[in-house]
PDB file of N, CA and C in Angstrom:
ATOM      1  N   MET A   1      24.854  25.104  28.289  1.00  0.00           N
ATOM      2  CA  MET A   1      24.290  24.170  28.854  1.00  0.00           C
ATOM      3  C   MET A   1      22.694  24.089  28.882  1.00  0.00           C
ATOM      4  N   LEU A   2      22.319  25.730  28.972  1.00  0.00           N
ATOM      5  CA  LEU A   2      21.047  25.842  28.861  1.00  0.00           C
ATOM      6  C   LEU A   2      20.264  25.043  27.373  1.00  0.00           C
ATOM      7  N   LEU A   3      21.050  25.483  26.364  1.00  0.00           N
ATOM      8  CA  LEU A   3      20.520  24.918  25.153  1.00  0.00           C
ATOM      9  C   LEU A   3      20.394  23.468  24.940  1.00  0.00           C
ATOM     10  N   LYS A   4      21.587  22.735  25.873  1.00  0.00           N
ATOM     11  CA  LYS A   4      21.231  21.407  25.987  1.00  0.00           C
ATOM     12  C   LYS A   4      20.305  20.765  26.375  1.00  0.00           C
ATOM     13  N   SER A   5      19.630  21.784  27.576  1.00  0.00           N
ATOM     14  CA  SER A   5      18.717  21.178  28.489  1.00  0.00           C
ATOM     15  C   SER A   5      17.174  21.360  27.467  1.00  0.00           C
ATOM     16  N   VAL A   6      17.444  22.424  26.937  1.00  0.00           N
ATOM     17  CA  VAL A   6      16.142  22.619  25.957  1.00  0.00           C
ATOM     18  C   VAL A   6      15.964  21.333  24.886  1.00  0.00           C
ATOM     19  N   ILE A   7      17.166  21.339  24.521  1.00  0.00           N
ATOM     20  CA  ILE A   7      17.113  20.325  23.189  1.00  0.00           C
ATOM     21  C   ILE A   7      16.775  18.994  23.677  1.00  0.00           C
ATOM     22  N   VAL A   8      17.230  18.442  25.319  1.00  0.00           N
ATOM     23  CA  VAL A   8      16.796  17.121  25.747  1.00  0.00           C
ATOM     24  C   VAL A   8      15.315  17.311  25.782  1.00  0.00           C
ATOM     25  N   LEU A   9      14.769  18.445  26.407  1.00  0.00           N
ATOM     26  CA  LEU A   9      13.201  18.479  26.990  1.00  0.00           C
ATOM     27  C   LEU A   9      12.428  18.520  25.784  1.00  0.00           C
ATOM     28  N   LEU A  10      13.062  18.897  24.578  1.00  0.00           N
ATOM     29  CA  LEU A  10      12.222  18.990  23.350  1.00  0.00           C
ATOM     30  C   LEU A  10      11.769  17.574  22.994  1.00  0.00           C
ATOM     31  N   ILE A  11      13.122  16.776  22.771  1.00  0.00           N
ATOM     32  CA  ILE A  11      13.313  15.591  22.248  1.00  0.00           C
ATOM     33  C   ILE A  11      11.956  14.805  23.349  1.00  0.00           C
ATOM     34  N   TYR A  12      12.368  14.746  24.484  1.00  0.00           N
ATOM     35  CA  TYR A  12      11.484  14.160  25.398  1.00  0.00           C
ATOM     36  C   TYR A  12      10.416  14.407  25.183  1.00  0.00           C
ATOM     37  N   TYR A  13       9.769  15.450  24.838  1.00  0.00           N
ATOM     38  CA  TYR A  13       8.484  15.915  24.621  1.00  0.00           C
ATOM     39  C   TYR A  13       7.735  15.308  23.495  1.00  0.00           C
ATOM     40  N   PHE A  14       8.801  15.284  22.392  1.00  0.00           N
ATOM     41  CA  PHE A  14       8.582  14.537  21.202  1.00  0.00           C
ATOM     42  C   PHE A  14       8.003  13.087  21.440  1.00  0.00           C
ATOM     43  N   TRP A  15       9.055  12.472  22.066  1.00  0.00           N
ATOM     44  CA  TRP A  15       8.923  11.145  22.526  1.00  0.00           C
ATOM     45  C   TRP A  15       7.652  10.903  22.774  1.00  0.00           C
ATOM     46  N   LEU A  16       7.299  11.692  24.136  1.00  0.00           N
ATOM     47  CA  LEU A  16       5.909  11.752  25.038  1.00  0.00           C
ATOM     48  C   LEU A  16       4.881  11.700  24.230  1.00  0.00           C
ATOM     49  N   HIS A  17       5.167  12.353  23.002  1.00  0.00           N
ATOM     50  CA  HIS A  17       3.638  12.841  22.118  1.00  0.00           C
ATOM     51  C   HIS A  17       3.425  11.502  21.357  1.00  0.00           C
ATOM     52  N   PHE A  18       4.517  10.855  20.683  1.00  0.00           N
ATOM     53  CA  PHE A  18       4.475   9.897  19.848  1.00  0.00           C
ATOM     54  C   PHE A  18       3.942   8.352  20.660  1.00  0.00           C
ATOM     55  N   HIS A  19       4.471   8.416  21.838  1.00  0.00           N
ATOM     56  CA  HIS A  19       4.270   7.296  22.973  1.00  0.00           C
ATOM     57  C   HIS A  19       2.976   7.444  23.353  1.00  0.00           C
ATOM     58  N   ALA A  20       2.517   8.628  23.528  1.00  0.00           N
ATOM     59  CA  ALA A  20       1.047   8.706  23.558  1.00  0.00           C
ATOM     60  C   ALA A  20      -0.001   8.066  22.481  1.00  0.00           C
ATOM     61  N   GLY A  21       0.362   8.557  21.310  1.00  0.00           N
ATOM     62  CA  GLY A  21      -0.340   8.174  20.100  1.00  0.00           C
ATOM     63  C   GLY A  21      -0.396   6.372  20.018  1.00  0.00           C
ATOM     64  N   LYS A  22       0.789   5.949  20.255  1.00  0.00           N
ATOM     65  CA  LYS A  22       1.298   4.542  20.373  1.00  0.00           C
ATOM     66  C   LYS A  22       0.181   4.077  21.284  1.00  0.00           C
ATOM     67  N   CYS A  23       0.144   4.705  22.357  1.00  0.00           N
ATOM     68  CA  CYS A  23      -0.785   4.057  23.716  1.00  0.00           C
ATOM     69  C   CYS A  23      -2.368   3.820  23.152  1.00  0.00           C
ATOM     70  N   GLN A  24      -2.745   5.027  22.471  1.00  0.00           N
ATOM     71  CA  GLN A  24      -4.040   5.241  22.214  1.00  0.00           C
ATOM     72  C   GLN A  24      -4.372   3.724  21.126  1.00  0.00           C
ATOM     73  N   LEU A  25      -3.461   3.795  20.189  1.00  0.00           N
ATOM     74  CA  LEU A  25      -3.447   2.584  19.248  1.00  0.00           C
ATOM     75  C   LEU A  25      -3.681   1.535  19.728  1.00  0.00           C
ATOM     76  N   LEU A  26      -2.744   1.230  20.795  1.00  0.00           N
ATOM     77  CA  LEU A  26      -2.634  -0.199  21.729  1.00  0.00           C
ATOM     78  C   LEU A  26      -4.045  -0.208  22.347  1.00  0.00           C
ATOM     79  N   GLN A  27      -4.526   0.715  22.860  1.00  0.00           N
ATOM     80  CA  GLN A  27      -5.553   0.786  23.681  1.00  0.00           C
ATOM     81  C   GLN A  27      -7.028   0.253  22.702  1.00  0.00           C
ATOM     82  N   CYS A  28      -7.351   0.512  21.454  1.00  0.00           N
ATOM     83  CA  CYS A  28      -8.119   0.115  20.661  1.00  0.00           C
ATOM     84  C   CYS A  28      -7.858  -1.355  20.273  1.00  0.00           C
ATOM     85  N   ILE A  29      -6.807  -1.865  19.896  1.00  0.00           N
ATOM     86  CA  ILE A  29      -6.126  -3.320  19.658  1.00  0.00           C
ATOM     87  C   ILE A  29      -6.714  -4.083  21.115  1.00  0.00           C
ATOM     88  N   PHE A  30      -5.898  -3.647  22.380  1.00  0.00           N
ATOM     89  CA  PHE A  30      -6.526  -4.325  23.498  1.00  0.00           C
ATOM     90  C   PHE A  30      -8.008  -4.060  23.613  1.00  0.00           C
ATOM     91  N   GLN A  31      -8.701  -3.296  23.429  1.00  0.00           N
ATOM     92  CA  GLN A  31     -10.207  -3.441  23.844  1.00  0.00           C
ATOM     93  C   GLN A  31     -10.865  -4.570  22.573  1.00  0.00           C
ATOM     94  N   THR A  32     -10.511  -4.554  21.692  1.00  0.00           N
ATOM     95  CA  THR A  32     -10.959  -5.324  20.610  1.00  0.00           C
ATOM     96  C   THR A  32     -10.496  -6.880  20.872  1.00  0.00           C
ATOM     97  N   GLU A  33      -9.411  -6.958  21.266  1.00  0.00           N
ATOM     98  CA  GLU A  33      -8.748  -8.372  21.503  1.00  0.00           C
ATOM     99  C   GLU A  33      -8.969  -9.024  22.967  1.00  0.00           C
ATOM    100  N   ASN A  34      -8.900  -8.246  23.911  1.00  0.00           N
ATOM    101  CA  ASN A  34      -8.950  -8.899  25.559  1.00  0.00           C
ATOM    102  C   ASN A  34      -9.181  -7.567  26.164  1.00  0.00           C
ATOM    103  N   ALA A  35     -10.080  -7.655  27.107  1.00  0.00           N
ATOM    104  CA  ALA A  35     -10.443  -6.667  27.982  1.00  0.00           C
ATOM    105  C   ALA A  35      -9.506  -6.580  29.376  1.00  0.00           C
ATOM    106  N   ASP A  36      -8.666  -7.524  29.478  1.00  0.00           N
ATOM    107  CA  ASP A  36      -7.428  -7.635  30.524  1.00  0.00           C
ATOM    108  C   ASP A  36      -6.394  -6.743  30.178  1.00  0.00           C
ATOM    109  N   LYS A  37      -6.192  -7.104  28.716  1.00  0.00           N
ATOM    110  CA  LYS A  37      -5.053  -6.071  28.061  1.00  0.00           C
ATOM    111  C   LYS A  37      -5.586  -4.637  28.152  1.00  0.00           C
ATOM    112  N   ALA A  38      -6.604  -4.152  28.293  1.00  0.00           N
ATOM    113  CA  ALA A  38      -7.027  -3.123  28.079  1.00  0.00           C
ATOM    114  C   ALA A  38      -6.770  -2.278  29.335  1.00  0.00           C
ATOM    115  N   LEU A  39      -6.637  -3.029  30.484  1.00  0.00           N
ATOM    116  CA  LEU A  39      -6.315  -2.519  31.587  1.00  0.00           C
ATOM    117  C   LEU A  39      -4.777  -1.834  31.783  1.00  0.00           C
ATOM    118  N   LYS A  40      -3.830  -2.291  30.810  1.00  0.00           N
ATOM    119  CA  LYS A  40      -2.529  -1.719  30.846  1.00  0.00           C
ATOM    120  C   LYS A  40      -2.631  -0.550  30.221  1.00  0.00           C
ATOM    121  N   TYR A  41      -3.733   0.082  29.680  1.00  0.00           N
ATOM    122  CA  TYR A  41      -3.586   1.378  28.851  1.00  0.00           C
ATOM    123  C   TYR A  41      -3.605   1.968  30.314  1.00  0.00           C
ATOM    124  N   ARG A  42      -4.287   1.922  31.491  1.00  0.00           N
ATOM    125  CA  ARG A  42      -4.428   3.005  32.540  1.00  0.00           C
ATOM    126  C   ARG A  42      -3.081   3.283  32.941  1.00  0.00           C
ATOM    127  N   LEU A  43      -2.070   2.538  32.763  1.00  0.00           N
ATOM    128  CA  LEU A  43      -0.896   3.084  33.237  1.00  0.00           C
ATOM    129  C   LEU A  43      -0.275   4.107  32.471  1.00  0.00           C
ATOM    130  N   TYR A  44      -0.910   4.391  31.190  1.00  0.00           N
ATOM    131  CA  TYR A  44      -0.419   5.813  30.501  1.00  0.00           C
ATOM    132  C   TYR A  44      -1.261   6.752  30.458  1.00  0.00           C
ATOM    133  N   ARG A  45      -2.189   6.772  31.527  1.00  0.00           N
ATOM    134  CA  ARG A  45      -2.995   7.809  31.307  1.00  0.00           C
ATOM    135  C   ARG A  45      -2.461   9.063  31.750  1.00  0.00           C
ATOM    136  N   HIS A  46      -1.391   8.980  32.429  1.00  0.00           N
ATOM    137  CA  HIS A  46      -0.562  10.134  33.050  1.00  0.00           C
ATOM    138  C   HIS A  46      -0.027  10.881  32.129  1.00  0.00           C
ATOM    139  N   LEU A  47       0.049  10.331  30.834  1.00  0.00           N
ATOM    140  CA  LEU A  47       1.135  11.102  29.842  1.00  0.00           C
ATOM    141  C   LEU A  47       0.533  12.440  29.391  1.00  0.00           C
ATOM    142  N   PRO A  48      -0.466  12.819  29.268  1.00  0.00           N
ATOM    143  CA  PRO A  48      -1.164  14.274  28.791  1.00  0.00           C
ATOM    144  C   PRO A  48      -0.658  15.092  29.880  1.00  0.00           C
ATOM    145  N   ALA A  49      -0.710  14.823  31.163  1.00  0.00           N
ATOM    146  CA  ALA A  49      -0.126  15.616  32.159  1.00  0.00           C
ATOM    147  C   ALA A  49       1.204  15.815  32.314  1.00  0.00           C
ATOM    148  N   TYR A  50       2.204  14.766  32.005  1.00  0.00           N
ATOM    149  CA  TYR A  50       3.605  15.013  31.569  1.00  0.00           C
ATOM    150  C   TYR A  50       3.668  15.771  30.539  1.00  0.00           C
ATOM    151  N   GLU A  51       3.214  15.505  29.270  1.00  0.00           N
ATOM    152  CA  GLU A  51       3.295  16.387  28.115  1.00  0.00           C
ATOM    153  C   GLU A  51       2.949  17.803  28.529  1.00  0.00           C
ATOM    154  N   LYS A  52       1.986  18.262  29.262  1.00  0.00           N
ATOM    155  CA  LYS A  52       1.937  19.431  29.596  1.00  0.00           C
ATOM    156  C   LYS A  52       2.821  20.193  30.325  1.00  0.00           C
ATOM    157  N   ILE A  53       3.426  19.477  31.379  1.00  0.00           N
ATOM    158  CA  ILE A  53       4.684  19.727  32.146  1.00  0.00           C
ATOM    159  C   ILE A  53       6.093  19.849  31.390  1.00  0.00           C
ATOM    160  N   ILE A  54       6.239  19.210  30.308  1.00  0.00           N
ATOM    161  CA  ILE A  54       7.637  19.153  29.381  1.00  0.00           C
ATOM    162  C   ILE A  54       7.148  20.565  28.674  1.00  0.00           C
ATOM    163  N   ARG A  55       6.161  20.727  27.983  1.00  0.00           N
ATOM    164  CA  ARG A  55       5.528  21.998  27.177  1.00  0.00           C
ATOM    165  C   ARG A  55       6.145  23.258  28.121  1.00  0.00           C
ATOM    166  N   ASN A  56       5.597  23.021  29.379  1.00  0.00           N
ATOM    167  CA  ASN A  56       5.602  24.404  30.304  1.00  0.00           C
ATOM    168  C   ASN A  56       7.406  24.564  30.535  1.00  0.00           C
ATOM    169  N   LEU A  57       7.867  23.417  30.865  1.00  0.00           N
ATOM    170  CA  LEU A  57       9.400  23.465  31.013  1.00  0.00           C
ATOM    171  C   LEU A  57       9.994  24.199  29.806  1.00  0.00           C
ATOM    172  N   VAL A  58       9.640  23.516  28.586  1.00  0.00           N
ATOM    173  CA  VAL A  58      10.335  23.944  27.430  1.00  0.00           C
ATOM    174  C   VAL A  58      10.216  25.543  27.318  1.00  0.00           C
ATOM    175  N   SER A  59       8.939  25.726  27.304  1.00  0.00           N
ATOM    176  CA  SER A  59       8.708  27.549  26.983  1.00  0.00           C
ATOM    177  C   SER A  59       9.448  28.039  28.282  1.00  0.00           C
ATOM    178  N   PHE A  60       9.489  27.820  29.387  1.00  0.00           N
ATOM    179  CA  PHE A  60      10.245  28.641  30.485  1.00  0.00           C
ATOM    180  C   PHE A  60      11.772  28.486  30.152  1.00  0.00           C
ATOM    181  N   TYR A  61      12.318  27.532  29.643  1.00  0.00           N
ATOM    182  CA  TYR A  61      13.830  27.574  29.336  1.00  0.00           C
ATOM    183  C   TYR A  61      13.885  28.320  28.280  1.00  0.00           C
ATOM    184  N   TYR A  62      13.421  28.211  27.259  1.00  0.00           N
ATOM    185  CA  TYR A  62      13.094  29.215  26.009  1.00  0.00           C
ATOM    186  C   TYR A  62      13.200  30.564  26.265  1.00  0.00           C
ATOM    187  N   GLU A  63      12.145  30.909  27.194  1.00  0.00           N
ATOM    188  CA  GLU A  63      12.044  32.381  27.513  1.00  0.00           C
ATOM    189  C   GLU A  63      13.455  32.931  28.360  1.00  0.00           C
ATOM    190  N   LYS A  64      13.766  31.843  29.337  1.00  0.00           N
ATOM    191  CA  LYS A  64      14.994  32.240  29.963  1.00  0.00           C
ATOM    192  C   LYS A  64      16.214  32.414  28.959  1.00  0.00           C
ATOM    193  N   TYR A  65      16.262  31.590  27.953  1.00  0.00           N
ATOM    194  CA  TYR A  65      17.332  31.523  26.878  1.00  0.00           C
ATOM    195  C   TYR A  65      17.489  32.867  26.097  1.00  0.00           C
ATOM    196  N   ILE A  66      16.172  33.222  25.666  1.00  0.00           N
ATOM    197  CA  ILE A  66      16.155  34.374  24.766  1.00  0.00           C
ATOM    198  C   ILE A  66      16.481  35.672  25.885  1.00  0.00           C
ATOM    199  N   LEU A  67      16.039  35.581  27.174  1.00  0.00           N
ATOM    200  CA  LEU A  67      16.254  36.895  28.004  1.00  0.00           C
ATOM    201  C   LEU A  67      18.262  36.839  28.044  1.00  0.00           C
ATOM    202  N   LEU A  68      18.471  35.540  28.396  1.00  0.00           N
ATOM    203  CA  LEU A  68      20.034  35.733  28.663  1.00  0.00           C
ATOM    204  C   LEU A  68      20.869  35.985  27.369  1.00  0.00           C
ATOM    205  N   LEU A  69      20.182  35.842  26.205  1.00  0.00           N
ATOM    206  CA  LEU A  69      21.075  36.314  24.906  1.00  0.00           C
ATOM    207  C   LEU A  69      20.840  37.987  24.993  1.00  0.00           C
ATOM    208  N   VAL A  70      19.556  38.449  25.112  1.00  0.00           N
ATOM    209  CA  VAL A  70      19.158  39.665  25.184  1.00  0.00           C
ATOM    210  C   VAL A  70      20.064  40.330  26.129  1.00  0.00           C
ATOM    211  N   PHE A  71      20.057  40.176  27.405  1.00  0.00           N
ATOM    212  CA  PHE A  71      21.083  41.007  28.195  1.00  0.00           C
ATOM    213  C   PHE A  71      22.630  40.597  27.866  1.00  0.00           C
ATOM    214  N   SER A  72      22.996  39.550  27.204  1.00  0.00           N
ATOM    215  CA  SER A  72      24.294  39.358  27.011  1.00  0.00           C
ATOM    216  C   SER A  72      24.903  40.193  26.090  1.00  0.00           C
ATOM    217  N   GLN A  73      24.084  40.381  24.823  1.00  0.00           N
ATOM    218  CA  GLN A  73      24.170  41.472  23.925  1.00  0.00           C
ATOM    219  C   GLN A  73      23.959  42.704  24.247  1.00  0.00           C
ATOM    220  N   GLY A  74      23.433  43.062  25.323  1.00  0.00           N
ATOM    221  CA  GLY A  74      23.329  44.485  25.802  1.00  0.00           C
ATOM    222  C   GLY A  74      22.006  45.134  25.075  1.00  0.00           C
ATOM    223  N   ILE A  75      20.984  44.396  24.213  1.00  0.00           N
ATOM    224  CA  ILE A  75      20.195  44.893  23.655  1.00  0.00           C
ATOM    225  C   ILE A  75      19.082  45.693  24.497  1.00  0.00           C
TER     226      ILE A  75
END
C-alpha cells in the first residue's frame, strides 16, 4: 500500500513538473499574442509550491518505506 502511494505521488510530481513547463511556454505565447490570455497563466503560479509539497511527501514516504523495510528484516 505504501509503495503504491509513493508511485502515485511520483507520477503526480512528474506530471506537475511537465505541466509547469507547458504553462511557461503558454505564458510566452499568450504574452506575445494577447495580454488578456496572459492572465490565464496566473492560475498556475501555485505549481512550484505544489511541486515542493509533493517532493516533500515523496521523500517522507520513501524514508518511512526504507525504515519499514529495515525494521521488518531485523537489520
